[in-house]
N, C-alpha and C. Protein backbone atom coordinates (compact mmCIF):
# COMPACT_ATOMS: atom_id res chain seq x y z
N MET A 1 -72.29 -72.76 34.81
CA MET A 1 -71.33 -73.05 33.77
C MET A 1 -70.10 -73.67 34.43
N GLN A 2 -69.58 -74.72 33.85
CA GLN A 2 -68.35 -75.32 34.35
C GLN A 2 -67.49 -75.66 33.15
N ARG A 3 -66.22 -75.38 33.26
CA ARG A 3 -65.30 -75.73 32.18
C ARG A 3 -64.02 -76.26 32.78
N SER A 4 -63.38 -77.15 32.07
CA SER A 4 -62.15 -77.75 32.56
C SER A 4 -60.96 -77.04 31.95
N LEU A 5 -59.97 -76.76 32.77
CA LEU A 5 -58.74 -76.13 32.31
C LEU A 5 -57.57 -77.01 32.72
N GLY A 6 -57.37 -78.07 32.00
CA GLY A 6 -56.33 -79.01 32.37
C GLY A 6 -56.69 -79.68 33.68
N HIS A 7 -55.87 -79.45 34.73
CA HIS A 7 -56.14 -80.02 36.04
C HIS A 7 -57.04 -79.11 36.88
N ASP A 8 -57.32 -77.92 36.39
CA ASP A 8 -58.14 -76.97 37.14
C ASP A 8 -59.59 -77.06 36.67
N SER A 9 -60.51 -76.67 37.52
CA SER A 9 -61.89 -76.49 37.07
C SER A 9 -62.39 -75.18 37.65
N VAL A 10 -63.24 -74.52 36.89
CA VAL A 10 -63.80 -73.25 37.30
C VAL A 10 -65.31 -73.39 37.29
N VAL A 11 -65.95 -73.03 38.39
CA VAL A 11 -67.40 -73.09 38.49
C VAL A 11 -67.91 -71.67 38.71
N CYS A 12 -68.81 -71.23 37.85
CA CYS A 12 -69.36 -69.87 37.95
C CYS A 12 -70.85 -69.95 38.27
N SER A 13 -71.30 -69.08 39.14
CA SER A 13 -72.72 -68.96 39.42
C SER A 13 -73.00 -67.55 39.92
N ARG A 14 -74.28 -67.18 39.98
CA ARG A 14 -74.67 -65.85 40.44
C ARG A 14 -74.88 -65.86 41.95
N VAL A 15 -74.54 -64.78 42.61
CA VAL A 15 -74.82 -64.59 44.03
C VAL A 15 -76.00 -63.63 44.13
N TYR A 16 -77.00 -63.99 44.93
CA TYR A 16 -78.18 -63.14 45.09
C TYR A 16 -78.27 -62.67 46.53
N ILE A 17 -78.48 -61.38 46.70
CA ILE A 17 -78.73 -60.80 48.02
C ILE A 17 -80.08 -60.10 47.91
N GLY A 18 -81.03 -60.52 48.71
CA GLY A 18 -82.35 -59.93 48.67
C GLY A 18 -83.03 -60.12 47.32
N GLY A 19 -82.75 -61.24 46.64
CA GLY A 19 -83.37 -61.53 45.35
C GLY A 19 -82.76 -60.79 44.18
N VAL A 20 -81.74 -59.98 44.43
CA VAL A 20 -81.11 -59.18 43.37
C VAL A 20 -79.73 -59.76 43.09
N PRO A 21 -79.41 -59.99 41.80
CA PRO A 21 -78.06 -60.49 41.52
C PRO A 21 -77.03 -59.44 41.90
N THR A 22 -76.14 -59.79 42.82
CA THR A 22 -75.17 -58.84 43.35
C THR A 22 -73.78 -59.09 42.81
N ALA A 23 -73.41 -60.33 42.65
CA ALA A 23 -72.04 -60.62 42.25
C ALA A 23 -72.01 -61.94 41.50
N THR A 24 -70.97 -62.12 40.74
CA THR A 24 -70.72 -63.41 40.14
C THR A 24 -69.74 -64.13 41.04
N ARG A 25 -70.08 -65.33 41.44
CA ARG A 25 -69.23 -66.09 42.34
C ARG A 25 -68.44 -67.08 41.50
N ILE A 26 -67.15 -67.09 41.70
CA ILE A 26 -66.29 -68.00 40.96
C ILE A 26 -65.49 -68.81 41.96
N ARG A 27 -65.61 -70.12 41.89
CA ARG A 27 -64.84 -70.99 42.77
C ARG A 27 -63.82 -71.72 41.90
N THR A 28 -62.58 -71.61 42.24
CA THR A 28 -61.51 -72.27 41.48
C THR A 28 -60.90 -73.36 42.34
N VAL A 29 -60.84 -74.56 41.81
CA VAL A 29 -60.21 -75.68 42.50
C VAL A 29 -58.98 -76.06 41.69
N THR A 30 -57.80 -76.00 42.32
CA THR A 30 -56.58 -76.27 41.57
C THR A 30 -56.15 -77.72 41.65
N ASP A 31 -56.17 -78.29 42.84
CA ASP A 31 -55.83 -79.70 42.99
C ASP A 31 -56.28 -80.16 44.37
N SER A 32 -56.04 -81.41 44.69
CA SER A 32 -56.53 -81.95 45.96
C SER A 32 -55.80 -81.37 47.18
N GLN A 33 -54.66 -80.71 46.98
CA GLN A 33 -53.93 -80.14 48.11
C GLN A 33 -54.36 -78.70 48.41
N SER A 34 -55.10 -78.08 47.51
CA SER A 34 -55.55 -76.70 47.72
C SER A 34 -57.03 -76.69 48.09
N ALA A 35 -57.36 -75.91 49.08
CA ALA A 35 -58.76 -75.77 49.44
C ALA A 35 -59.42 -74.82 48.45
N PRO A 36 -60.62 -75.16 47.98
CA PRO A 36 -61.30 -74.23 47.08
C PRO A 36 -61.70 -72.96 47.84
N TYR A 37 -61.80 -71.87 47.13
CA TYR A 37 -62.25 -70.63 47.73
C TYR A 37 -63.15 -69.92 46.74
N THR A 38 -63.92 -68.99 47.26
CA THR A 38 -64.89 -68.27 46.44
C THR A 38 -64.43 -66.84 46.24
N VAL A 39 -64.48 -66.39 44.99
CA VAL A 39 -64.17 -65.01 44.63
C VAL A 39 -65.48 -64.36 44.20
N ALA A 40 -65.84 -63.26 44.81
CA ALA A 40 -67.05 -62.52 44.44
C ALA A 40 -66.66 -61.28 43.66
N LEU A 41 -67.24 -61.13 42.49
CA LEU A 41 -67.04 -59.95 41.66
C LEU A 41 -68.28 -59.08 41.81
N VAL A 42 -68.15 -57.97 42.50
CA VAL A 42 -69.30 -57.13 42.82
C VAL A 42 -69.78 -56.40 41.57
N GLN A 43 -71.07 -56.45 41.34
CA GLN A 43 -71.69 -55.78 40.20
C GLN A 43 -72.79 -54.85 40.69
N GLU A 44 -72.46 -54.04 41.66
CA GLU A 44 -73.38 -53.08 42.25
C GLU A 44 -72.79 -51.68 42.04
N PRO A 45 -73.63 -50.65 41.92
CA PRO A 45 -73.09 -49.30 41.76
C PRO A 45 -72.64 -48.71 43.09
N PRO A 46 -71.64 -47.82 43.04
CA PRO A 46 -71.29 -47.06 44.24
C PRO A 46 -72.33 -45.96 44.45
N VAL A 47 -72.19 -45.22 45.53
CA VAL A 47 -72.97 -43.99 45.71
C VAL A 47 -72.15 -42.91 45.02
N PHE A 48 -72.55 -42.57 43.83
CA PHE A 48 -71.75 -41.78 42.91
C PHE A 48 -71.25 -40.48 43.52
N LEU A 49 -69.93 -40.30 43.50
CA LEU A 49 -69.23 -39.12 43.98
C LEU A 49 -69.54 -38.80 45.43
N ASN A 50 -69.78 -39.83 46.23
CA ASN A 50 -70.01 -39.66 47.66
C ASN A 50 -69.18 -40.72 48.37
N LEU A 51 -67.95 -40.38 48.69
CA LEU A 51 -67.01 -41.35 49.25
C LEU A 51 -67.49 -41.92 50.57
N ALA A 52 -68.02 -41.09 51.45
CA ALA A 52 -68.48 -41.57 52.76
C ALA A 52 -69.58 -42.62 52.60
N ALA A 53 -70.57 -42.32 51.78
CA ALA A 53 -71.67 -43.26 51.58
C ALA A 53 -71.21 -44.50 50.83
N THR A 54 -70.26 -44.34 49.91
CA THR A 54 -69.75 -45.49 49.15
C THR A 54 -68.96 -46.43 50.07
N VAL A 55 -68.16 -45.89 50.96
CA VAL A 55 -67.42 -46.74 51.89
C VAL A 55 -68.38 -47.50 52.81
N SER A 56 -69.44 -46.84 53.24
CA SER A 56 -70.45 -47.54 54.04
C SER A 56 -71.09 -48.67 53.22
N ARG A 57 -71.32 -48.42 51.95
CA ARG A 57 -71.87 -49.46 51.06
C ARG A 57 -70.87 -50.61 50.90
N VAL A 58 -69.59 -50.29 50.76
CA VAL A 58 -68.56 -51.32 50.67
C VAL A 58 -68.59 -52.21 51.92
N GLU A 59 -68.65 -51.58 53.09
CA GLU A 59 -68.67 -52.35 54.34
C GLU A 59 -69.87 -53.29 54.38
N ALA A 60 -71.03 -52.80 53.96
CA ALA A 60 -72.23 -53.64 53.96
C ALA A 60 -72.12 -54.78 52.96
N LEU A 61 -71.59 -54.48 51.77
CA LEU A 61 -71.44 -55.53 50.75
C LEU A 61 -70.41 -56.57 51.17
N ILE A 62 -69.33 -56.14 51.81
CA ILE A 62 -68.34 -57.10 52.32
C ILE A 62 -69.02 -58.06 53.29
N ALA A 63 -69.79 -57.52 54.22
CA ALA A 63 -70.46 -58.37 55.21
C ALA A 63 -71.43 -59.34 54.53
N GLU A 64 -72.23 -58.85 53.59
CA GLU A 64 -73.22 -59.70 52.93
C GLU A 64 -72.58 -60.79 52.08
N VAL A 65 -71.60 -60.40 51.26
CA VAL A 65 -70.98 -61.36 50.35
C VAL A 65 -70.11 -62.35 51.13
N ALA A 66 -69.41 -61.88 52.16
CA ALA A 66 -68.60 -62.79 52.99
C ALA A 66 -69.49 -63.81 53.69
N SER A 67 -70.69 -63.40 54.09
CA SER A 67 -71.60 -64.33 54.77
C SER A 67 -72.05 -65.45 53.83
N GLN A 68 -71.89 -65.25 52.53
CA GLN A 68 -72.23 -66.27 51.55
C GLN A 68 -71.02 -67.11 51.16
N GLY A 69 -69.91 -66.90 51.84
CA GLY A 69 -68.76 -67.76 51.64
C GLY A 69 -67.63 -67.20 50.81
N ALA A 70 -67.73 -65.96 50.36
CA ALA A 70 -66.64 -65.37 49.57
C ALA A 70 -65.40 -65.19 50.43
N ARG A 71 -64.25 -65.48 49.87
CA ARG A 71 -62.96 -65.25 50.55
C ARG A 71 -62.20 -64.09 49.93
N VAL A 72 -62.49 -63.82 48.66
CA VAL A 72 -61.90 -62.68 47.94
C VAL A 72 -63.07 -61.92 47.32
N ILE A 73 -63.11 -60.59 47.54
CA ILE A 73 -64.19 -59.76 47.02
C ILE A 73 -63.57 -58.67 46.16
N VAL A 74 -64.00 -58.60 44.91
CA VAL A 74 -63.40 -57.67 43.95
C VAL A 74 -64.46 -56.66 43.51
N PHE A 75 -64.12 -55.37 43.66
CA PHE A 75 -64.97 -54.28 43.19
C PHE A 75 -64.36 -53.73 41.90
N PRO A 76 -65.18 -53.18 41.00
CA PRO A 76 -64.68 -52.74 39.69
C PRO A 76 -63.77 -51.51 39.73
N GLU A 77 -63.28 -51.21 38.54
CA GLU A 77 -62.46 -50.04 38.29
C GLU A 77 -63.16 -48.78 38.79
N THR A 78 -62.43 -47.93 39.44
CA THR A 78 -62.87 -46.61 39.93
C THR A 78 -64.17 -46.66 40.74
N TRP A 79 -64.38 -47.75 41.47
CA TRP A 79 -65.60 -47.88 42.27
C TRP A 79 -65.64 -46.83 43.37
N LEU A 80 -64.49 -46.46 43.87
CA LEU A 80 -64.40 -45.36 44.84
C LEU A 80 -63.98 -44.11 44.08
N PRO A 81 -64.72 -43.11 43.94
CA PRO A 81 -66.12 -42.90 44.30
C PRO A 81 -67.06 -42.99 43.11
N GLY A 82 -66.65 -43.68 42.05
CA GLY A 82 -67.48 -43.84 40.86
C GLY A 82 -66.74 -43.38 39.62
N TYR A 83 -67.15 -43.94 38.50
CA TYR A 83 -66.51 -43.63 37.22
C TYR A 83 -66.95 -42.24 36.74
N PRO A 84 -66.02 -41.42 36.25
CA PRO A 84 -66.38 -40.08 35.77
C PRO A 84 -67.09 -40.15 34.41
N VAL A 85 -68.33 -40.61 34.45
CA VAL A 85 -69.09 -40.89 33.24
C VAL A 85 -69.30 -39.65 32.38
N TRP A 86 -69.23 -38.46 32.98
CA TRP A 86 -69.44 -37.24 32.20
C TRP A 86 -68.40 -37.10 31.10
N ILE A 87 -67.24 -37.69 31.27
CA ILE A 87 -66.20 -37.61 30.24
C ILE A 87 -66.67 -38.27 28.95
N ASP A 88 -67.41 -39.38 29.08
CA ASP A 88 -67.89 -40.12 27.92
C ASP A 88 -69.26 -39.65 27.44
N ALA A 89 -70.08 -39.14 28.35
CA ALA A 89 -71.48 -38.89 28.04
C ALA A 89 -71.81 -37.46 27.62
N ALA A 90 -70.98 -36.50 27.97
CA ALA A 90 -71.31 -35.10 27.68
C ALA A 90 -70.28 -34.48 26.75
N PRO A 91 -70.73 -34.05 25.58
CA PRO A 91 -69.78 -33.41 24.65
C PRO A 91 -69.13 -32.19 25.31
N GLY A 92 -67.84 -32.12 25.22
CA GLY A 92 -67.11 -30.98 25.77
C GLY A 92 -66.82 -31.06 27.26
N ALA A 93 -67.32 -32.08 27.94
CA ALA A 93 -67.14 -32.17 29.40
C ALA A 93 -65.69 -32.40 29.79
N ALA A 94 -64.91 -32.94 28.88
CA ALA A 94 -63.52 -33.20 29.20
C ALA A 94 -62.62 -31.98 28.94
N LEU A 95 -63.21 -30.89 28.50
CA LEU A 95 -62.43 -29.67 28.27
C LEU A 95 -62.08 -29.05 29.62
N TRP A 96 -60.82 -28.81 29.87
CA TRP A 96 -60.38 -28.35 31.18
C TRP A 96 -60.92 -26.99 31.57
N ASP A 97 -61.22 -26.16 30.60
CA ASP A 97 -61.72 -24.82 30.94
C ASP A 97 -63.23 -24.75 31.05
N ALA A 98 -63.93 -25.85 30.85
CA ALA A 98 -65.39 -25.85 30.99
C ALA A 98 -65.75 -25.79 32.48
N ALA A 99 -66.60 -24.85 32.85
CA ALA A 99 -66.96 -24.66 34.27
C ALA A 99 -67.55 -25.92 34.88
N GLY A 100 -68.43 -26.59 34.16
CA GLY A 100 -69.04 -27.82 34.67
C GLY A 100 -68.01 -28.91 34.89
N ALA A 101 -67.08 -29.04 33.95
CA ALA A 101 -66.03 -30.06 34.09
C ALA A 101 -65.15 -29.78 35.30
N LYS A 102 -64.82 -28.50 35.52
CA LYS A 102 -64.01 -28.14 36.68
C LYS A 102 -64.74 -28.45 37.98
N ALA A 103 -66.03 -28.18 38.03
CA ALA A 103 -66.81 -28.45 39.24
C ALA A 103 -66.87 -29.96 39.51
N LEU A 104 -67.12 -30.74 38.47
CA LEU A 104 -67.18 -32.19 38.65
C LEU A 104 -65.81 -32.76 39.03
N TYR A 105 -64.75 -32.24 38.42
CA TYR A 105 -63.42 -32.72 38.74
C TYR A 105 -63.07 -32.41 40.20
N ARG A 106 -63.43 -31.19 40.66
CA ARG A 106 -63.19 -30.84 42.06
C ARG A 106 -63.91 -31.82 42.99
N LEU A 107 -65.15 -32.17 42.64
CA LEU A 107 -65.92 -33.12 43.44
C LEU A 107 -65.27 -34.50 43.41
N LEU A 108 -64.78 -34.90 42.24
CA LEU A 108 -64.10 -36.20 42.12
C LEU A 108 -62.83 -36.22 42.97
N VAL A 109 -62.04 -35.15 42.91
CA VAL A 109 -60.81 -35.07 43.71
C VAL A 109 -61.15 -35.12 45.20
N HIS A 110 -62.14 -34.36 45.60
CA HIS A 110 -62.55 -34.30 47.01
C HIS A 110 -62.99 -35.68 47.52
N ASN A 111 -63.56 -36.51 46.63
CA ASN A 111 -64.07 -37.83 47.01
C ASN A 111 -63.13 -38.97 46.65
N SER A 112 -61.89 -38.66 46.34
CA SER A 112 -60.89 -39.69 46.03
C SER A 112 -60.14 -40.09 47.29
N VAL A 113 -59.46 -41.22 47.23
CA VAL A 113 -58.75 -41.73 48.40
C VAL A 113 -57.25 -41.50 48.27
N GLU A 114 -56.58 -41.54 49.41
CA GLU A 114 -55.13 -41.55 49.47
C GLU A 114 -54.74 -42.84 50.17
N VAL A 115 -53.72 -43.52 49.68
CA VAL A 115 -53.29 -44.77 50.31
C VAL A 115 -53.01 -44.52 51.78
N GLY A 116 -53.62 -45.33 52.63
CA GLY A 116 -53.44 -45.23 54.07
C GLY A 116 -54.42 -44.29 54.75
N ASP A 117 -55.35 -43.69 54.00
CA ASP A 117 -56.29 -42.76 54.64
C ASP A 117 -57.35 -43.52 55.44
N ALA A 118 -58.17 -42.77 56.16
CA ALA A 118 -59.18 -43.37 57.03
C ALA A 118 -60.21 -44.18 56.24
N TRP A 119 -60.50 -43.77 55.00
CA TRP A 119 -61.49 -44.50 54.19
C TRP A 119 -60.99 -45.89 53.86
N LEU A 120 -59.76 -45.99 53.39
CA LEU A 120 -59.20 -47.31 53.06
C LEU A 120 -58.98 -48.14 54.33
N CYS A 121 -58.67 -47.48 55.44
CA CYS A 121 -58.52 -48.20 56.71
C CYS A 121 -59.85 -48.81 57.14
N ARG A 122 -60.96 -48.11 56.90
CA ARG A 122 -62.28 -48.69 57.21
C ARG A 122 -62.55 -49.93 56.37
N ILE A 123 -62.19 -49.87 55.09
CA ILE A 123 -62.38 -51.03 54.22
C ILE A 123 -61.49 -52.18 54.66
N ALA A 124 -60.24 -51.88 55.01
CA ALA A 124 -59.32 -52.92 55.50
C ALA A 124 -59.85 -53.54 56.79
N SER A 125 -60.41 -52.73 57.65
CA SER A 125 -60.96 -53.23 58.91
C SER A 125 -62.14 -54.17 58.64
N ALA A 126 -63.01 -53.79 57.70
CA ALA A 126 -64.14 -54.66 57.34
C ALA A 126 -63.64 -55.97 56.74
N ALA A 127 -62.61 -55.88 55.90
CA ALA A 127 -62.04 -57.09 55.30
C ALA A 127 -61.46 -57.99 56.39
N ASP A 128 -60.73 -57.41 57.33
CA ASP A 128 -60.15 -58.19 58.43
C ASP A 128 -61.23 -58.81 59.30
N SER A 129 -62.29 -58.05 59.59
CA SER A 129 -63.38 -58.55 60.43
C SER A 129 -64.05 -59.77 59.83
N HIS A 130 -64.11 -59.81 58.51
CA HIS A 130 -64.79 -60.92 57.83
C HIS A 130 -63.80 -61.92 57.24
N GLU A 131 -62.52 -61.73 57.54
CA GLU A 131 -61.46 -62.64 57.09
C GLU A 131 -61.49 -62.86 55.58
N VAL A 132 -61.57 -61.72 54.85
CA VAL A 132 -61.56 -61.77 53.40
C VAL A 132 -60.48 -60.83 52.87
N VAL A 133 -60.15 -61.01 51.61
CA VAL A 133 -59.30 -60.08 50.89
C VAL A 133 -60.22 -59.28 49.97
N VAL A 134 -60.05 -57.98 49.96
CA VAL A 134 -60.84 -57.10 49.10
C VAL A 134 -59.88 -56.43 48.13
N VAL A 135 -60.29 -56.40 46.87
CA VAL A 135 -59.56 -55.65 45.85
C VAL A 135 -60.58 -54.66 45.29
N ILE A 136 -60.26 -53.37 45.40
CA ILE A 136 -61.24 -52.35 45.02
C ILE A 136 -60.60 -51.30 44.12
N GLY A 137 -61.30 -50.95 43.06
CA GLY A 137 -60.84 -49.91 42.16
C GLY A 137 -61.14 -48.54 42.74
N ALA A 138 -60.18 -47.63 42.65
CA ALA A 138 -60.36 -46.32 43.26
C ALA A 138 -59.65 -45.24 42.45
N HIS A 139 -60.15 -44.03 42.61
CA HIS A 139 -59.39 -42.85 42.19
C HIS A 139 -58.46 -42.55 43.35
N GLU A 140 -57.17 -42.72 43.12
CA GLU A 140 -56.18 -42.47 44.16
C GLU A 140 -55.60 -41.07 43.95
N ARG A 141 -55.64 -40.28 45.01
CA ARG A 141 -55.13 -38.92 44.96
C ARG A 141 -53.69 -38.90 45.47
N VAL A 142 -52.79 -38.40 44.63
CA VAL A 142 -51.40 -38.19 45.01
C VAL A 142 -51.07 -36.75 44.63
N GLY A 143 -51.00 -35.90 45.64
CA GLY A 143 -50.82 -34.48 45.36
C GLY A 143 -52.02 -33.96 44.61
N ALA A 144 -51.79 -33.37 43.45
CA ALA A 144 -52.87 -32.81 42.64
C ALA A 144 -53.26 -33.75 41.49
N THR A 145 -52.76 -34.98 41.52
CA THR A 145 -53.00 -35.92 40.44
C THR A 145 -53.88 -37.07 40.92
N LEU A 146 -54.76 -37.54 40.04
CA LEU A 146 -55.57 -38.73 40.32
C LEU A 146 -55.06 -39.88 39.48
N TYR A 147 -55.01 -41.05 40.11
CA TYR A 147 -54.62 -42.28 39.42
C TYR A 147 -55.77 -43.28 39.52
N ASN A 148 -55.95 -44.07 38.49
CA ASN A 148 -56.90 -45.16 38.50
C ASN A 148 -56.15 -46.36 39.08
N THR A 149 -56.47 -46.73 40.34
CA THR A 149 -55.69 -47.69 41.09
C THR A 149 -56.55 -48.84 41.56
N MET A 150 -56.03 -50.05 41.54
CA MET A 150 -56.67 -51.20 42.18
C MET A 150 -55.97 -51.37 43.52
N VAL A 151 -56.76 -51.32 44.60
CA VAL A 151 -56.22 -51.36 45.96
C VAL A 151 -56.57 -52.69 46.60
N PRO A 152 -55.55 -53.52 46.92
CA PRO A 152 -55.83 -54.76 47.66
C PRO A 152 -55.74 -54.50 49.17
N VAL A 153 -56.72 -55.00 49.93
CA VAL A 153 -56.70 -54.88 51.38
C VAL A 153 -57.14 -56.18 52.01
N GLY A 154 -56.69 -56.42 53.23
CA GLY A 154 -57.13 -57.61 53.97
C GLY A 154 -56.07 -58.67 54.04
């Protein structure tokens, strides 16, 4: 698909890794003085509520997508460590006094990131190694509170 936006043009196509659609690649060309670059929007699941395995997956995806020419790699909302789907899928799961909800919330907190922690440093290192910018959605832990945060690194 290609569409014109005044002096800009946007070209969209699918990125395939191992025959599986992994990301939508968007190349934006602004004018003859700007070099085009590729933005990859990752459409892969994290390793749900497993921060260590998810960060390893991020590192692998950065390497794979960067090798296909991406300069900016964007992961979805709350990708680290996954969206708390139980809030939407299970009646009563969002009740604070429900034992199951408390257990899942504890697991979510335990697998959340803090700005500057070793997990985000690993992602920043992978971004630097591949000379890309990564923007990743995360549950950010600040004290006893979780925030839905987009973290840019690289």
